[in-house]
Amino acid sequence: TQTALGNFPQVYSHLGIIDAAVCLSGLTGG
């Protein structure tokens, strides 16, 4: 349906995307 669901804004979503960005940046050595 291309719709947002659940709580908005959601802190866990933001923490997850920050962690993913750090991983992709190479800062974690992963």
PDB file of all heavy atoms in Angstrom:
ATOM      1  N   THR A   1       0.807  -1.220   0.000  1.00  0.00           N
ATOM      2  CA  THR A   1       0.000   0.000   0.000  1.00  0.00           C
ATOM      3  C   THR A   1       0.842   1.271   0.000  1.00  0.00           C
ATOM      4  O   THR A   1       0.295   2.361  -0.092  1.00  0.00           O
ATOM      5  CB  THR A   1      -0.939   0.021   1.221  1.00  0.00           C
ATOM      6  OG1 THR A   1      -0.146   0.011   2.413  1.00  0.00           O
ATOM      7  CG2 THR A   1      -1.885  -1.170   1.205  1.00  0.00           C
ATOM      8  N   GLN A   2       2.153   1.100   0.134  1.00  0.00           N
ATOM      9  CA  GLN A   2       3.101   2.220   0.189  1.00  0.00           C
ATOM     10  C   GLN A   2       2.716   3.229   1.267  1.00  0.00           C
ATOM     11  O   GLN A   2       2.681   4.438   1.027  1.00  0.00           O
ATOM     12  CB  GLN A   2       3.226   2.883  -1.174  1.00  0.00           C
ATOM     13  CG  GLN A   2       3.779   1.957  -2.224  1.00  0.00           C
ATOM     14  CD  GLN A   2       3.973   2.625  -3.564  1.00  0.00           C
ATOM     15  OE1 GLN A   2       3.487   3.724  -3.818  1.00  0.00           O
ATOM     16  NE2 GLN A   2       4.689   1.956  -4.441  1.00  0.00           N
ATOM     17  N   THR A   3       2.432   2.689   2.462  1.00  0.00           N
ATOM     18  CA  THR A   3       2.064   3.555   3.572  1.00  0.00           C
ATOM     19  C   THR A   3       2.924   3.251   4.794  1.00  0.00           C
ATOM     20  O   THR A   3       3.354   2.121   5.016  1.00  0.00           O
ATOM     21  CB  THR A   3       0.586   3.378   3.957  1.00  0.00           C
ATOM     22  OG1 THR A   3       0.339   1.995   4.227  1.00  0.00           O
ATOM     23  CG2 THR A   3      -0.344   3.836   2.859  1.00  0.00           C
ATOM     24  N   ALA A   4       3.129   4.287   5.585  1.00  0.00           N
ATOM     25  CA  ALA A   4       3.836   4.146   6.848  1.00  0.00           C
ATOM     26  C   ALA A   4       2.864   3.576   7.875  1.00  0.00           C
ATOM     27  O   ALA A   4       1.688   3.929   7.898  1.00  0.00           O
ATOM     28  CB  ALA A   4       4.353   5.504   7.305  1.00  0.00           C
ATOM     29  N   LEU A   5       3.373   2.690   8.719  1.00  0.00           N
ATOM     30  CA  LEU A   5       2.546   2.052   9.744  1.00  0.00           C
ATOM     31  C   LEU A   5       3.225   2.167  11.105  1.00  0.00           C
ATOM     32  O   LEU A   5       4.435   2.340  11.193  1.00  0.00           O
ATOM     33  CB  LEU A   5       2.341   0.571   9.415  1.00  0.00           C
ATOM     34  CG  LEU A   5       1.736   0.238   8.055  1.00  0.00           C
ATOM     35  CD1 LEU A   5       1.818  -1.258   7.802  1.00  0.00           C
ATOM     36  CD2 LEU A   5       0.299   0.714   8.007  1.00  0.00           C
ATOM     37  N   GLY A   6       2.436   2.024  12.143  1.00  0.00           N
ATOM     38  CA  GLY A   6       2.990   2.006  13.494  1.00  0.00           C
ATOM     39  C   GLY A   6       3.308   3.396  14.012  1.00  0.00           C
ATOM     40  O   GLY A   6       2.804   4.396  13.511  1.00  0.00           O
ATOM     41  N   ASN A   7       4.151   3.419  15.027  1.00  0.00           N
ATOM     42  CA  ASN A   7       4.521   4.690  15.661  1.00  0.00           C
ATOM     43  C   ASN A   7       5.336   5.556  14.705  1.00  0.00           C
ATOM     44  O   ASN A   7       6.114   5.059  13.906  1.00  0.00           O
ATOM     45  CB  ASN A   7       5.343   4.429  16.918  1.00  0.00           C
ATOM     46  CG  ASN A   7       4.544   3.706  17.970  1.00  0.00           C
ATOM     47  OD1 ASN A   7       3.355   3.937  18.128  1.00  0.00           O
ATOM     48  ND2 ASN A   7       5.194   2.824  18.689  1.00  0.00           N
ATOM     49  N   PHE A   8       5.160   6.860  14.854  1.00  0.00           N
ATOM     50  CA  PHE A   8       5.878   7.796  13.996  1.00  0.00           C
ATOM     51  C   PHE A   8       6.167   9.057  14.787  1.00  0.00           C
ATOM     52  O   PHE A   8       5.241   9.649  15.333  1.00  0.00           O
ATOM     53  CB  PHE A   8       5.027   8.140  12.773  1.00  0.00           C
ATOM     54  CG  PHE A   8       5.746   9.010  11.789  1.00  0.00           C
ATOM     55  CD1 PHE A   8       6.549   8.442  10.821  1.00  0.00           C
ATOM     56  CD2 PHE A   8       5.643  10.378  11.852  1.00  0.00           C
ATOM     57  CE1 PHE A   8       7.221   9.236   9.912  1.00  0.00           C
ATOM     58  CE2 PHE A   8       6.309  11.181  10.960  1.00  0.00           C
ATOM     59  CZ  PHE A   8       7.100  10.606   9.981  1.00  0.00           C
ATOM     60  N   PRO A   9       7.383   9.502  14.849  1.00  0.00           N
ATOM     61  CA  PRO A   9       8.601   8.832  14.416  1.00  0.00           C
ATOM     62  C   PRO A   9       8.993   7.733  15.393  1.00  0.00           C
ATOM     63  O   PRO A   9       8.589   7.764  16.551  1.00  0.00           O
ATOM     64  CB  PRO A   9       9.643   9.940  14.401  1.00  0.00           C
ATOM     65  CG  PRO A   9       9.196  10.883  15.456  1.00  0.00           C
ATOM     66  CD  PRO A   9       7.680  10.815  15.455  1.00  0.00           C
ATOM     67  N   GLN A  10       9.763   6.802  14.907  1.00  0.00           N
ATOM     68  CA  GLN A  10      10.147   5.639  15.701  1.00  0.00           C
ATOM     69  C   GLN A  10      11.651   5.665  15.938  1.00  0.00           C
ATOM     70  O   GLN A  10      12.432   5.645  14.997  1.00  0.00           O
ATOM     71  CB  GLN A  10       9.750   4.364  14.960  1.00  0.00           C
ATOM     72  CG  GLN A  10      10.178   3.076  15.601  1.00  0.00           C
ATOM     73  CD  GLN A  10       9.728   2.917  17.029  1.00  0.00           C
ATOM     74  OE1 GLN A  10      10.549   2.998  17.920  1.00  0.00           O
ATOM     75  NE2 GLN A  10       8.450   2.701  17.260  1.00  0.00           N
ATOM     76  N   VAL A  11      12.034   5.693  17.203  1.00  0.00           N
ATOM     77  CA  VAL A  11      13.460   5.783  17.532  1.00  0.00           C
ATOM     78  C   VAL A  11      14.233   4.558  17.065  1.00  0.00           C
ATOM     79  O   VAL A  11      15.371   4.677  16.613  1.00  0.00           O
ATOM     80  CB  VAL A  11      13.658   6.038  19.039  1.00  0.00           C
ATOM     81  CG1 VAL A  11      13.280   4.820  19.856  1.00  0.00           C
ATOM     82  CG2 VAL A  11      15.101   6.426  19.323  1.00  0.00           C
ATOM     83  N   TYR A  12      13.642   3.376  17.139  1.00  0.00           N
ATOM     84  CA  TYR A  12      14.373   2.174  16.724  1.00  0.00           C
ATOM     85  C   TYR A  12      14.696   2.197  15.240  1.00  0.00           C
ATOM     86  O   TYR A  12      15.762   1.756  14.815  1.00  0.00           O
ATOM     87  CB  TYR A  12      13.594   0.902  17.090  1.00  0.00           C
ATOM     88  CG  TYR A  12      13.432   0.733  18.582  1.00  0.00           C
ATOM     89  CD1 TYR A  12      12.188   0.721  19.163  1.00  0.00           C
ATOM     90  CD2 TYR A  12      14.547   0.613  19.395  1.00  0.00           C
ATOM     91  CE1 TYR A  12      12.032   0.581  20.530  1.00  0.00           C
ATOM     92  CE2 TYR A  12      14.412   0.466  20.761  1.00  0.00           C
ATOM     93  CZ  TYR A  12      13.156   0.453  21.335  1.00  0.00           C
ATOM     94  OH  TYR A  12      13.010   0.325  22.677  1.00  0.00           O
ATOM     95  N   SER A  13      13.797   2.717  14.440  1.00  0.00           N
ATOM     96  CA  SER A  13      14.065   2.842  13.005  1.00  0.00           C
ATOM     97  C   SER A  13      15.269   3.748  12.770  1.00  0.00           C
ATOM     98  O   SER A  13      16.138   3.454  11.954  1.00  0.00           O
ATOM     99  CB  SER A  13      12.847   3.412  12.277  1.00  0.00           C
ATOM    100  OG  SER A  13      11.739   2.548  12.417  1.00  0.00           O
ATOM    101  N   HIS A  14      15.313   4.843  13.508  1.00  0.00           N
ATOM    102  CA  HIS A  14      16.409   5.798  13.336  1.00  0.00           C
ATOM    103  C   HIS A  14      17.731   5.234  13.839  1.00  0.00           C
ATOM    104  O   HIS A  14      18.770   5.413  13.194  1.00  0.00           O
ATOM    105  CB  HIS A  14      16.060   7.121  14.015  1.00  0.00           C
ATOM    106  CG  HIS A  14      14.936   7.814  13.326  1.00  0.00           C
ATOM    107  ND1 HIS A  14      13.629   7.619  13.689  1.00  0.00           N
ATOM    108  CD2 HIS A  14      14.929   8.654  12.272  1.00  0.00           C
ATOM    109  CE1 HIS A  14      12.849   8.335  12.884  1.00  0.00           C
ATOM    110  NE2 HIS A  14      13.610   8.965  12.018  1.00  0.00           N
ATOM    111  N   LEU A  15      17.701   4.536  14.956  1.00  0.00           N
ATOM    112  CA  LEU A  15      18.934   3.913  15.450  1.00  0.00           C
ATOM    113  C   LEU A  15      19.439   2.857  14.478  1.00  0.00           C
ATOM    114  O   LEU A  15      20.648   2.747  14.236  1.00  0.00           O
ATOM    115  CB  LEU A  15      18.707   3.297  16.828  1.00  0.00           C
ATOM    116  CG  LEU A  15      18.509   4.277  17.965  1.00  0.00           C
ATOM    117  CD1 LEU A  15      18.176   3.539  19.261  1.00  0.00           C
ATOM    118  CD2 LEU A  15      19.736   5.138  18.149  1.00  0.00           C
ATOM    119  N   GLY A  16      18.526   2.087  13.910  1.00  0.00           N
ATOM    120  CA  GLY A  16      18.915   1.074  12.934  1.00  0.00           C
ATOM    121  C   GLY A  16      19.561   1.668  11.702  1.00  0.00           C
ATOM    122  O   GLY A  16      20.582   1.169  11.215  1.00  0.00           O
ATOM    123  N   ILE A  17      18.989   2.745  11.184  1.00  0.00           N
ATOM    124  CA  ILE A  17      19.545   3.342   9.972  1.00  0.00           C
ATOM    125  C   ILE A  17      20.880   4.022  10.271  1.00  0.00           C
ATOM    126  O   ILE A  17      21.793   4.024   9.446  1.00  0.00           O
ATOM    127  CB  ILE A  17      18.542   4.298   9.291  1.00  0.00           C
ATOM    128  CG1 ILE A  17      18.904   4.464   7.825  1.00  0.00           C
ATOM    129  CG2 ILE A  17      18.461   5.619   9.974  1.00  0.00           C
ATOM    130  CD1 ILE A  17      17.829   5.069   6.975  1.00  0.00           C
ATOM    131  N   ILE A  18      21.034   4.564  11.473  1.00  0.00           N
ATOM    132  CA  ILE A  18      22.327   5.147  11.864  1.00  0.00           C
ATOM    133  C   ILE A  18      23.384   4.053  11.944  1.00  0.00           C
ATOM    134  O   ILE A  18      24.500   4.205  11.424  1.00  0.00           O
ATOM    135  CB  ILE A  18      22.200   5.907  13.193  1.00  0.00           C
ATOM    136  CG1 ILE A  18      21.381   7.184  12.991  1.00  0.00           C
ATOM    137  CG2 ILE A  18      23.583   6.230  13.772  1.00  0.00           C
ATOM    138  CD1 ILE A  18      20.936   7.847  14.277  1.00  0.00           C
ATOM    139  N   ASP A  19      23.050   2.936  12.587  1.00  0.00           N
ATOM    140  CA  ASP A  19      23.992   1.812  12.666  1.00  0.00           C
ATOM    141  C   ASP A  19      24.365   1.302  11.278  1.00  0.00           C
ATOM    142  O   ASP A  19      25.527   0.995  11.008  1.00  0.00           O
ATOM    143  CB  ASP A  19      23.414   0.667  13.497  1.00  0.00           C
ATOM    144  CG  ASP A  19      23.443   0.933  14.988  1.00  0.00           C
ATOM    145  OD1 ASP A  19      24.151   1.871  15.418  1.00  0.00           O
ATOM    146  OD2 ASP A  19      22.764   0.198  15.725  1.00  0.00           O
ATOM    147  N   ALA A  20      23.385   1.197  10.394  1.00  0.00           N
ATOM    148  CA  ALA A  20      23.655   0.732   9.033  1.00  0.00           C
ATOM    149  C   ALA A  20      24.558   1.724   8.303  1.00  0.00           C
ATOM    150  O   ALA A  20      25.483   1.315   7.585  1.00  0.00           O
ATOM    151  CB  ALA A  20      22.346   0.527   8.264  1.00  0.00           C
ATOM    152  N   ALA A  21      24.313   3.009   8.480  1.00  0.00           N
ATOM    153  CA  ALA A  21      25.149   4.021   7.828  1.00  0.00           C
ATOM    154  C   ALA A  21      26.586   3.952   8.329  1.00  0.00           C
ATOM    155  O   ALA A  21      27.532   4.050   7.535  1.00  0.00           O
ATOM    156  CB  ALA A  21      24.567   5.414   8.074  1.00  0.00           C
ATOM    157  N   VAL A  22      26.762   3.754   9.622  1.00  0.00           N
ATOM    158  CA  VAL A  22      28.107   3.626  10.180  1.00  0.00           C
ATOM    159  C   VAL A  22      28.787   2.383   9.608  1.00  0.00           C
ATOM    160  O   VAL A  22      29.967   2.428   9.225  1.00  0.00           O
ATOM    161  CB  VAL A  22      28.057   3.592  11.724  1.00  0.00           C
ATOM    162  CG1 VAL A  22      29.395   3.193  12.307  1.00  0.00           C
ATOM    163  CG2 VAL A  22      27.613   4.943  12.268  1.00  0.00           C
ATOM    164  N   CYS A  23      28.064   1.297   9.507  1.00  0.00           N
ATOM    165  CA  CYS A  23      28.610   0.060   8.942  1.00  0.00           C
ATOM    166  C   CYS A  23      29.048   0.285   7.493  1.00  0.00           C
ATOM    167  O   CYS A  23      30.169  -0.066   7.113  1.00  0.00           O
ATOM    168  CB  CYS A  23      27.567  -1.055   9.028  1.00  0.00           C
ATOM    169  SG  CYS A  23      28.155  -2.650   8.450  1.00  0.00           S
ATOM    170  N   LEU A  24      28.202   0.897   6.688  1.00  0.00           N
ATOM    171  CA  LEU A  24      28.517   1.126   5.291  1.00  0.00           C
ATOM    172  C   LEU A  24      29.653   2.126   5.116  1.00  0.00           C
ATOM    173  O   LEU A  24      30.364   2.092   4.118  1.00  0.00           O
ATOM    174  CB  LEU A  24      27.283   1.612   4.521  1.00  0.00           C
ATOM    175  CG  LEU A  24      26.431   0.526   3.880  1.00  0.00           C
ATOM    176  CD1 LEU A  24      25.834  -0.427   4.886  1.00  0.00           C
ATOM    177  CD2 LEU A  24      25.352   1.135   3.026  1.00  0.00           C
ATOM    178  N   SER A  25      29.851   2.976   6.094  1.00  0.00           N
ATOM    179  CA  SER A  25      30.933   3.964   6.002  1.00  0.00           C
ATOM    180  C   SER A  25      32.302   3.336   6.264  1.00  0.00           C
ATOM    181  O   SER A  25      33.328   3.943   6.000  1.00  0.00           O
ATOM    182  CB  SER A  25      30.701   5.103   6.983  1.00  0.00           C
ATOM    183  OG  SER A  25      30.979   4.665   8.309  1.00  0.00           O
ATOM    184  N   GLY A  26      32.287   2.122   6.832  1.00  0.00           N
ATOM    185  CA  GLY A  26      33.539   1.461   7.137  1.00  0.00           C
ATOM    186  C   GLY A  26      34.103   1.812   8.497  1.00  0.00           C
ATOM    187  O   GLY A  26      35.172   1.356   8.863  1.00  0.00           O
ATOM    188  N   LEU A  27      33.395   2.617   9.278  1.00  0.00           N
ATOM    189  CA  LEU A  27      33.890   3.043  10.584  1.00  0.00           C
ATOM    190  C   LEU A  27      33.895   1.915  11.619  1.00  0.00           C
ATOM    191  O   LEU A  27      34.570   2.024  12.633  1.00  0.00           O
ATOM    192  CB  LEU A  27      33.073   4.228  11.109  1.00  0.00           C
ATOM    193  CG  LEU A  27      33.206   5.524  10.294  1.00  0.00           C
ATOM    194  CD1 LEU A  27      32.259   6.589  10.850  1.00  0.00           C
ATOM    195  CD2 LEU A  27      34.632   6.006  10.305  1.00  0.00           C
ATOM    196  N   THR A  28      33.136   0.850  11.367  1.00  0.00           N
ATOM    197  CA  THR A  28      33.075  -0.244  12.344  1.00  0.00           C
ATOM    198  C   THR A  28      34.026  -1.365  12.004  1.00  0.00           C
ATOM    199  O   THR A  28      34.142  -2.307  12.755  1.00  0.00           O
ATOM    200  CB  THR A  28      31.648  -0.830  12.425  1.00  0.00           C
ATOM    201  OG1 THR A  28      31.299  -1.359  11.141  1.00  0.00           O
ATOM    202  CG2 THR A  28      30.646   0.216  12.852  1.00  0.00           C
ATOM    203  N   GLY A  29      34.670  -1.301  10.885  1.00  0.00           N
ATOM    204  CA  GLY A  29      35.588  -2.351  10.486  1.00  0.00           C
ATOM    205  C   GLY A  29      34.904  -3.590   9.954  1.00  0.00           C
ATOM    206  O   GLY A  29      35.508  -4.618   9.743  1.00  0.00           O
ATOM    207  N   GLY A  30      33.540  -3.508   9.735  1.00  0.00           N
ATOM    208  CA  GLY A  30      32.784  -4.671   9.290  1.00  0.00           C
ATOM    209  C   GLY A  30      32.754  -4.898   7.837  1.00  0.00           C
ATOM    210  O   GLY A  30      33.243  -4.391   6.948  1.00  0.00           O
TER     211      GLY A  30
END
